[in-house]
Every structure is written in structure tokens, then in C-alpha cells.
């Protein structure tokens, strides 16, 4: 649904009242009444008119009234409208920006430590569960290749990447190799693979194995087969999750069933990876709200995700997962700035 279609009819009082109602619901987690929103927000209308406008918004699908005597709550459609109109106005607070910069100012941390620390930081800042998707390893450049003789006819093949990760596999060979032979094989691959990504290395090795020369040059073929054993089994992205206990402090999770829903959502790695991949594909921050999520397990949650970069391609994403009644005005700039800070660290 395009922005114009979503915004149709929401001008003037409707726009002002809807954004104020959503903001009030985010702050209180309670149904919002006309007198409440008119009294607490400087929207320029009295409660009687606010009641009429809220009724119109209900007819348009932006608000729901749980009980006839209760106030109204925003629908997913209302939250989408609210988020779309926040896009150009959200700013990170100086205190939060400073805390993020200080967090990443520490030198010498390896990739695994960064992946584990980042969701912990985001969870502390947002009060929600936070996720980091590790770099897509097929996009990471190779630093060097190494082969180590473990025992007779058994070799440990290692690909060390520029992101300080190691892909390795134990390979059983048809004959025994001395360490000197293995070192020569590694040098041969290093000449061709240094600076290539793991995906490029995999494709190059596969093409070389199809070459006729490899059929007759046993040294070349064995070196390529050792390399293929690693690049042909590249591990997928890892998800690092922190803050599920912190998230339970939200009012929504006073219901034990909602707690179970959250835990199930955080365990659905496939659905979470799909959402984080979307931010990679779009090369920008994305917000997926409630029913917009394909997975039923995520239908009552929102995910704010942003890609971080480590070179020419965005290799991973950071995200916050929380109830649809999320403080988007605070969470969106925090996720965005954290992704950019992580990008700077990985680019050093």
C-alpha cells in the first residue's frame, strides 16, 4: 500500500488527533479517551470534537474500541501511519549518541565480541529485545588460506577472513601429505584467492575443478578439493539475541501467554532472518509492524532493523523486536545510529 493511499483523508484534525492518540497509547499502554488526548496534547480541539474525529478514524480502520465505555487503541494501520510520519523527524539524543560512541571506542575487539556486545547495548538503550545478524560470510574477503596436517590422511583446511572469522573443515584425503606439501598447496590457493570473497572463492574453485588441467595435475586438484571442502560448506549468518528478560518489563507481557509469544518469536530464527534480510536488500532501515510480518509468530510484534556495512556490500543487520506499542520515536534513531557506528568499526 502506497503512502498516498494510506494517507487518504488524514489531513488537518484527523492527522493531528491520530498521531497524538498513538503517542498517548505508546506512553500509557492504555486505551485513549477523547478527553484524555485533548487535555494532554496541544491539538487545538476540545474533547467533544475529538470524540467525533476518533469515531471517524475508527471507521477508517485506524482505531479500535475494545469496550463501548473504554477509550480507543491504535491498529497496526495507525502505527504504520505514525511511523511513516516520523521518518524525517526522529533524532537521536546526545546522551544516547555519546553512549554508543563510547561503546565502540574500545579497540581490539574481534568480530565475535562485537556481535555479542551490540545487541546487549541496544537492549539496554531501548528496553526491548535486540538482535544482530552476523556478516553474511559469502561476502567476506579472504585474508589467507592454511592447511594443517592433523594425522595420517587427515587435514584441517582453514580460510581466515579479513573480518577475523575462520571457516574450517577437517578433510580426509586419499593419501597422506607432509606439512611441506600442504604449505605449498596453501600458497597456491593464496595467490589466487587473497582478496576474493568466500563466495567468489567457491565459484573460482568450482570452475578450476572443471578445467581439464586439474584432471591431470594431482597437486592442483588436491589443493582445490581441500579448498572446496571449506567454501562448499559456508555457514549461514548467526543471530545474536539479547534482552528477552528486559523486554518482559513491558506492560504487554504481564500476560503469561504474551510472554510465551515473545519467546516463540525470538526462537523463530528463519522468520527473523527473513526480516533482517529485507533491510539488507533495501539498503536502509525498515520497520515491520504486527500484521505486516509474514510469520504468525511475529504478528503481534514490531521489528526495527537497519543494515551495517563492512565494505562494498551490507553484510548484516541490527534490529530491535518489541510489542507493536513500541516507542518508535526513540527506537528508530537508536537502531539506525548503532548500525552506522558498527559499520565504522568494521570498516577500520
Protein backbone atom coordinates (compact mmCIF):
# COMPACT_ATOMS: atom_id res chain seq x y z
CA UNK A 1 0.00 0.00 0.00
CA UNK A 2 1.46 3.34 -1.06
CA UNK A 3 1.84 6.39 1.16
CA UNK A 4 -0.86 8.32 -0.71
CA UNK A 5 -3.37 5.52 -0.26
CA UNK A 6 -2.57 5.19 3.44
CA UNK A 7 -2.81 8.95 3.99
CA UNK A 8 -6.04 9.47 2.08
CA UNK A 9 -8.39 11.64 4.15
CA UNK A 10 -5.92 12.10 7.02
CA UNK A 11 -5.42 15.83 6.89
CA UNK A 12 -5.88 18.52 9.48
CA UNK A 13 -7.65 17.33 12.63
CA UNK A 14 -7.61 13.66 11.66
CA UNK A 15 -3.85 13.64 11.20
CA UNK A 16 -3.21 15.63 14.38
CA UNK A 17 -5.56 13.55 16.51
CA UNK A 18 -4.34 10.20 15.22
CA UNK A 19 -0.66 10.94 15.83
CA UNK A 20 -1.50 12.29 19.31
CA UNK A 21 -3.58 9.18 20.11
CA UNK A 22 -0.80 6.84 19.04
CA UNK A 23 1.75 8.80 21.08
CA UNK A 24 -0.53 8.68 24.13
CA UNK A 25 -1.09 4.94 23.77
CA UNK A 26 2.67 4.34 23.46
CA UNK A 27 3.22 6.31 26.68
CA UNK A 28 0.42 4.74 28.76
CA UNK A 29 -0.31 1.28 27.25
CA UNK A 30 -3.98 2.02 27.98
CA UNK A 31 -6.97 2.80 25.72
CA UNK A 32 -7.05 6.52 24.95
CA UNK A 33 -10.18 8.63 25.56
CA UNK A 34 -11.12 11.83 23.73
CA UNK A 35 -10.92 13.96 26.87
CA UNK A 36 -7.55 12.45 27.71
CA UNK A 37 -5.96 13.13 24.33
CA UNK A 38 -7.49 16.61 24.01
CA UNK A 39 -6.33 17.58 27.51
CA UNK A 40 -2.77 16.25 27.38
CA UNK A 41 -1.84 17.18 23.82
CA UNK A 42 -1.91 20.65 22.33
CA UNK A 43 -4.03 19.68 19.32
CA UNK A 44 -6.34 22.70 19.25
CA UNK A 45 -9.67 20.87 19.62
CA UNK A 46 -11.98 20.13 22.53
CA UNK A 47 -12.96 16.68 23.77
CA UNK A 48 -16.38 16.69 22.04
CA UNK A 49 -14.82 17.24 18.63
CA UNK A 50 -12.03 14.80 19.47
CA UNK A 51 -14.67 12.16 20.19
CA UNK A 52 -16.23 12.71 16.75
CA UNK A 53 -12.91 12.61 14.94
CA UNK A 54 -11.88 9.45 16.80
CA UNK A 55 -15.12 7.82 15.65
CA UNK A 56 -14.24 8.74 12.07
CA UNK A 57 -10.77 7.28 12.49
CA UNK A 58 -12.33 4.10 13.83
CA UNK A 59 -14.47 3.83 10.70
CA UNK A 60 -11.34 4.27 8.59
CA UNK A 61 -9.63 1.38 10.38
CA UNK A 62 -7.09 3.39 12.38
CA UNK A 63 -8.60 2.93 15.84
CA UNK A 64 -10.41 0.20 17.75
CA UNK A 65 -12.66 0.47 20.81
CA UNK A 66 -12.21 -2.63 22.99
CA UNK A 67 -15.36 -1.84 25.01
CA UNK A 68 -18.14 0.68 24.48
CA UNK A 69 -17.24 2.51 27.69
CA UNK A 70 -13.48 2.42 27.05
CA UNK A 71 -11.19 4.62 25.05
CA UNK A 72 -9.68 3.57 21.74
CA UNK A 73 -6.46 1.82 20.80
CA UNK A 74 -4.47 2.24 17.57
CA UNK A 75 -4.48 -0.53 14.97
CA UNK A 76 -1.45 -1.71 13.02
CA UNK A 77 -2.60 0.66 10.28
CA UNK A 78 -2.40 3.57 12.73
CA UNK A 79 1.10 2.61 13.84
CA UNK A 80 2.20 2.38 10.21
CA UNK A 81 0.84 5.87 9.57
CA UNK A 82 2.57 7.15 12.71
CA UNK A 83 5.93 5.59 11.78
CA UNK A 84 5.77 6.87 8.21
CA UNK A 85 5.30 10.41 9.51
CA UNK A 86 8.16 10.04 12.00
CA UNK A 87 10.69 9.20 9.29
CA UNK A 88 12.02 12.71 8.79
CA UNK A 89 11.67 13.96 12.35
CA UNK A 90 13.42 11.36 14.54
CA UNK A 91 16.72 12.45 16.10
CA UNK A 92 18.98 10.55 18.45
CA UNK A 93 19.55 12.18 21.84
CA UNK A 94 23.05 13.50 22.56
CA UNK A 95 23.32 11.25 25.63
CA UNK A 96 22.46 8.12 23.62
CA UNK A 97 24.81 9.05 20.79
CA UNK A 98 27.65 9.57 23.26
CA UNK A 99 26.98 6.22 24.94
CA UNK A 100 27.08 4.40 21.60
CA UNK A 101 30.29 6.14 20.54
CA UNK A 102 31.96 5.29 23.84
CA UNK A 103 30.86 1.67 23.49
CA UNK A 104 32.58 1.33 20.12
CA UNK A 105 35.65 3.40 21.00
CA UNK A 106 37.33 0.39 22.61
CA UNK A 107 39.92 -1.00 20.21
CA UNK A 108 40.95 -4.55 19.50
CA UNK A 109 37.63 -6.34 19.86
CA UNK A 110 37.16 -9.22 17.43
CA UNK A 111 34.08 -9.74 15.30
CA UNK A 112 32.51 -12.31 17.63
CA UNK A 113 32.77 -9.93 20.59
CA UNK A 114 31.22 -7.10 18.56
CA UNK A 115 28.35 -9.35 17.50
CA UNK A 116 27.63 -10.32 21.10
CA UNK A 117 28.05 -6.85 22.60
CA UNK A 118 25.94 -4.93 20.11
CA UNK A 119 22.52 -6.48 20.92
CA UNK A 120 23.32 -6.14 24.61
CA UNK A 121 23.91 -2.41 24.12
CA UNK A 122 20.73 -1.95 22.05
CA UNK A 123 18.64 -3.82 24.59
CA UNK A 124 19.90 -1.63 27.42
CA UNK A 125 19.16 1.53 25.42
CA UNK A 126 15.69 0.52 24.22
CA UNK A 127 14.35 -1.77 26.93
CA UNK A 128 13.45 -4.28 24.20
CA UNK A 129 14.91 -7.49 22.86
CA UNK A 130 17.70 -6.82 20.36
CA UNK A 131 19.20 -8.92 17.59
CA UNK A 132 22.32 -8.78 15.47
CA UNK A 133 22.70 -10.83 12.32
CA UNK A 134 26.37 -11.66 11.79
CA UNK A 135 28.02 -10.83 8.46
CA UNK A 136 26.87 -12.88 5.51
CA UNK A 137 30.04 -14.88 5.21
CA UNK A 138 29.84 -15.27 1.45
CA UNK A 139 30.50 -11.51 1.18
CA UNK A 140 33.55 -11.51 3.48
CA UNK A 141 37.00 -11.25 1.88
CA UNK A 142 39.65 -13.91 2.43
CA UNK A 143 42.86 -12.93 4.22
CA UNK A 144 44.68 -16.21 3.82
CA UNK A 145 44.31 -19.98 3.45
CA UNK A 146 46.09 -22.54 5.61
CA UNK A 147 46.23 -26.36 5.63
CA UNK A 148 47.38 -28.25 8.73
CA UNK A 149 48.24 -31.96 8.90
CA UNK A 150 46.37 -33.45 11.82
CA UNK A 151 47.23 -37.12 11.39
CA UNK A 152 47.69 -39.59 8.57
CA UNK A 153 45.38 -38.70 5.64
CA UNK A 154 43.56 -36.07 7.70
CA UNK A 155 43.91 -32.33 7.04
CA UNK A 156 42.45 -29.25 8.72
CA UNK A 157 41.61 -26.70 6.00
CA UNK A 158 41.25 -23.11 7.24
CA UNK A 159 40.09 -19.94 5.48
CA UNK A 160 40.81 -16.84 7.59
CA UNK A 161 38.78 -13.79 6.55
CA UNK A 162 39.50 -10.08 6.81
CA UNK A 163 36.62 -9.88 9.30
CA UNK A 164 38.71 -12.06 11.65
CA UNK A 165 36.42 -15.05 11.27
CA UNK A 166 37.69 -18.53 10.48
CA UNK A 167 35.97 -21.09 8.27
CA UNK A 168 37.43 -24.55 8.74
CA UNK A 169 36.76 -28.16 7.95
CA UNK A 170 38.53 -31.44 8.63
CA UNK A 171 39.14 -33.21 5.30
CA UNK A 172 40.04 -36.88 4.82
CA UNK A 173 42.37 -37.30 1.84
CA UNK A 174 43.08 -40.36 -0.26
CA UNK A 175 46.79 -40.24 0.60
CA UNK A 176 48.93 -38.84 3.34
CA UNK A 177 50.51 -35.39 2.91
CA UNK A 178 53.51 -33.87 4.58
CA UNK A 179 53.13 -30.43 6.13
CA UNK A 180 55.52 -29.09 3.49
CA UNK A 181 53.19 -30.30 0.71
CA UNK A 182 50.20 -28.73 2.46
CA UNK A 183 52.05 -25.42 2.82
CA UNK A 184 52.75 -25.40 -0.93
CA UNK A 185 49.06 -26.11 -1.65
CA UNK A 186 48.05 -23.25 0.63
CA UNK A 187 50.47 -20.89 -1.14
CA UNK A 188 48.99 -21.87 -4.50
CA UNK A 189 45.46 -21.04 -3.33
CA UNK A 190 46.54 -17.86 -1.57
CA UNK A 191 47.95 -16.48 -4.82
CA UNK A 192 44.53 -16.77 -6.45
CA UNK A 193 42.12 -16.31 -3.56
CA UNK A 194 43.54 -13.47 -1.46
CA UNK A 195 41.10 -10.55 -1.58
CA UNK A 196 38.26 -12.61 -3.06
CA UNK A 197 35.09 -13.12 -1.07
CA UNK A 198 34.24 -16.62 0.13
CA UNK A 199 31.51 -16.79 -2.49
CA UNK A 200 33.92 -15.70 -5.24
CA UNK A 201 36.44 -18.25 -3.96
CA UNK A 202 33.84 -21.01 -4.09
CA UNK A 203 32.92 -20.18 -7.68
CA UNK A 204 36.58 -19.90 -8.73
CA UNK A 205 37.45 -23.28 -7.17
CA UNK A 206 34.45 -24.93 -8.83
CA UNK A 207 35.46 -23.54 -12.22
CA UNK A 208 39.08 -24.68 -11.77
CA UNK A 209 37.96 -28.19 -10.81
CA UNK A 210 36.09 -28.37 -14.11
CA UNK A 211 39.21 -27.41 -16.08
CA UNK A 212 40.93 -30.27 -17.91
CA UNK A 213 44.30 -29.38 -16.41
CA UNK A 214 43.02 -30.25 -12.93
CA UNK A 215 42.29 -33.78 -14.07
CA UNK A 216 45.97 -34.44 -14.78
CA UNK A 217 47.68 -32.24 -12.17
CA UNK A 218 47.16 -34.11 -8.91
CA UNK A 219 48.81 -31.35 -6.83
CA UNK A 220 46.41 -28.73 -8.18
CA UNK A 221 43.37 -30.97 -7.87
CA UNK A 222 44.08 -31.94 -4.26
CA UNK A 223 44.64 -28.27 -3.31
CA UNK A 224 41.36 -27.30 -4.98
CA UNK A 225 39.49 -30.15 -3.28
CA UNK A 226 40.77 -29.05 0.14
CA UNK A 227 39.60 -25.53 -0.62
CA UNK A 228 36.25 -26.76 -1.94
CA UNK A 229 35.68 -28.66 1.30
CA UNK A 230 35.56 -25.28 3.11
CA UNK A 231 33.95 -22.94 0.59
CA UNK A 232 31.36 -25.51 -0.39
CA UNK A 233 30.04 -25.58 3.19
CA UNK A 234 29.97 -21.93 4.22
CA UNK A 235 27.97 -21.46 7.39
CA UNK A 236 24.97 -19.14 7.22
CA UNK A 237 24.52 -15.97 9.23
CA UNK A 238 24.27 -16.28 13.00
CA UNK A 239 21.68 -14.44 15.09
CA UNK A 240 22.78 -12.99 18.43
CA UNK A 241 19.82 -12.20 20.70
CA UNK A 242 19.90 -10.24 23.95
CA UNK A 243 17.34 -8.66 26.24
CA UNK A 244 14.42 -11.08 26.22
CA UNK A 245 14.22 -10.71 30.01
CA UNK A 246 14.48 -6.91 29.72
CA UNK A 247 11.61 -6.91 27.23
CA UNK A 248 9.38 -8.71 29.72
CA UNK A 249 9.22 -5.50 31.78
CA UNK A 250 6.85 -4.07 29.15
CA UNK A 251 3.15 -3.98 30.26
CA UNK A 252 2.14 -6.24 27.36
CA UNK A 253 3.99 -9.15 28.93
CA UNK A 254 2.10 -9.22 32.22
CA UNK A 255 0.04 -11.91 30.46
CA UNK A 256 1.90 -15.27 30.57
CA UNK A 257 0.62 -16.11 27.09
CA UNK A 258 2.22 -12.97 25.68
CA UNK A 259 5.49 -14.00 27.34
CA UNK A 260 5.30 -17.31 25.51
CA UNK A 261 4.56 -15.45 22.28
CA UNK A 262 7.70 -13.35 22.69
CA UNK A 263 9.90 -16.35 23.41
CA UNK A 264 8.48 -18.21 20.40
CA UNK A 265 9.05 -15.16 18.21
CA UNK A 266 12.69 -14.88 19.27
CA UNK A 267 13.19 -18.60 18.63
CA UNK A 268 11.85 -18.35 15.06
CA UNK A 269 15.26 -17.73 13.51
CA UNK A 270 14.03 -18.30 9.96
CA UNK A 271 11.37 -15.57 10.18
CA UNK A 272 13.76 -13.16 11.92
CA UNK A 273 16.45 -13.74 9.32
CA UNK A 274 13.95 -13.02 6.53
CA UNK A 275 13.05 -9.70 8.13
CA UNK A 276 16.67 -8.71 8.64
CA UNK A 277 17.48 -9.73 5.08
CA UNK A 278 14.83 -7.25 3.92
CA UNK A 279 16.80 -4.35 5.40
CA UNK A 280 19.88 -5.66 3.56
CA UNK A 281 18.02 -5.85 0.26
CA UNK A 282 16.63 -2.33 0.66
CA UNK A 283 19.97 -0.97 1.97
CA UNK A 284 18.02 1.06 4.53
CA UNK A 285 16.27 0.98 7.87
CA UNK A 286 12.98 -0.93 7.79
CA UNK A 287 10.08 -1.12 10.24
CA UNK A 288 7.81 -4.15 10.10
CA UNK A 289 4.65 -3.75 12.17
CA UNK A 290 2.42 -6.52 13.53
CA UNK A 291 0.31 -8.00 10.76
CA UNK A 292 2.88 -6.85 8.16
CA UNK A 293 5.10 -9.71 9.36
CA UNK A 294 4.69 -12.88 7.32
CA UNK A 295 5.30 -15.22 10.24
CA UNK A 296 2.24 -15.71 12.51
CA UNK A 297 4.61 -15.84 15.48
CA UNK A 298 5.57 -12.20 14.81
CA UNK A 299 2.03 -10.94 14.15
CA UNK A 300 1.83 -9.06 17.46
CA UNK A 301 5.35 -7.64 17.35
CA UNK A 302 7.26 -4.93 15.53
CA UNK A 303 10.80 -5.18 14.22
CA UNK A 304 13.02 -2.17 13.54
CA UNK A 305 16.06 -3.26 11.53
CA UNK A 306 18.98 -1.47 9.88
CA UNK A 307 21.91 -2.83 7.84
CA UNK A 308 25.51 -2.35 8.86
CA UNK A 309 28.30 -2.39 6.33
CA UNK A 310 31.81 -3.71 6.28
CA UNK A 311 32.81 -2.89 2.72
CA UNK A 312 31.00 -2.54 -0.58
CA UNK A 313 28.09 -4.75 0.49
CA UNK A 314 25.96 -4.68 3.65
CA UNK A 315 26.92 -7.93 5.37
CA UNK A 316 24.48 -7.92 8.28
CA UNK A 317 21.72 -6.19 10.23
CA UNK A 318 20.90 -5.00 13.72
CA UNK A 319 17.32 -4.97 14.98
CA UNK A 320 15.02 -4.40 17.92
CA UNK A 321 12.00 -6.65 18.50
CA UNK A 322 9.18 -5.45 20.72
CA UNK A 323 5.43 -5.01 21.02
CA UNK A 324 3.61 -3.03 18.34
CA UNK A 325 3.23 -0.36 21.05
CA UNK A 326 6.92 0.42 20.71
CA UNK A 327 8.43 3.84 21.31
CA UNK A 328 9.37 4.23 17.65
CA UNK A 329 10.48 7.84 18.09
CA UNK A 330 13.27 6.60 20.37
CA UNK A 331 13.95 3.14 18.95
CA UNK A 332 14.29 4.07 15.25
CA UNK A 333 17.21 6.53 15.67
CA UNK A 334 18.91 4.21 18.18
CA UNK A 335 18.86 1.27 15.77
CA UNK A 336 19.94 3.47 12.87
CA UNK A 337 22.84 5.10 14.74
CA UNK A 338 24.04 1.79 16.21
CA UNK A 339 24.16 0.25 12.73
CA UNK A 340 26.20 3.19 11.45
CA UNK A 341 28.58 3.07 14.43
CA UNK A 342 29.11 -0.66 13.94
CA UNK A 343 29.77 -0.03 10.25
CA UNK A 344 32.51 2.45 11.11
CA UNK A 345 34.19 -0.04 13.44
CA UNK A 346 34.09 -2.86 10.87
CA UNK A 347 35.39 -0.52 8.18
CA UNK A 348 38.54 0.38 10.12
